[in-house]
Amino acid sequence: MIATSNTPASADADISPRAPRASVTLQCEARQGTRQWQRVLLGNLSETGFRMTGFANPSPGVPLSIKIPGLQVLTARICRQEGAELGCEFASPLYVAVYEHLVKASKVG
C-alpha cells in the first residue's frame, strides 16, 4: 500500500495552525536509527505530521521511522518536544485518502 505522496512537506507544515488535524488514538511503533522499535501512541494526526507519546530518549535531528498499522514504514522528523509529547513531520505528506482512512479507523477501533 502506498501511503505518501511525492510532494515533500514544507519545514513549517507540522507547526502550521491551519493544517487540518484530527484527534486519533493509534498504537504504533517507532524508532530512530538502528535502535529497537518502541510502542508509541499517536494522539493527533494531520496529512503532514503527528503528535506522539511514549517514545523514550528521542534524538532531535535523527530521522524517525514509524510503523502505522496497515501502512508501509514512514519517515518523519521531530519538530518539537513538550514533555513526553513529540510533534513530528512526515518526510512526505500522507495522501488525503490515507489520512481519512486512519482517522476513520481510529474512531472505529
Foldseek 3Di string as FASTA:
>chain_A
DDWFDPDFDDPCVLVDPPFDKAFFWFWKWKDFDPDDIWIKTWGMDGQWWTKIFDDPDDDAPTWMWMGTPPHDIWIWGFPDDDPRMTIITTRGGTDPVNRVVRNVVRVVD
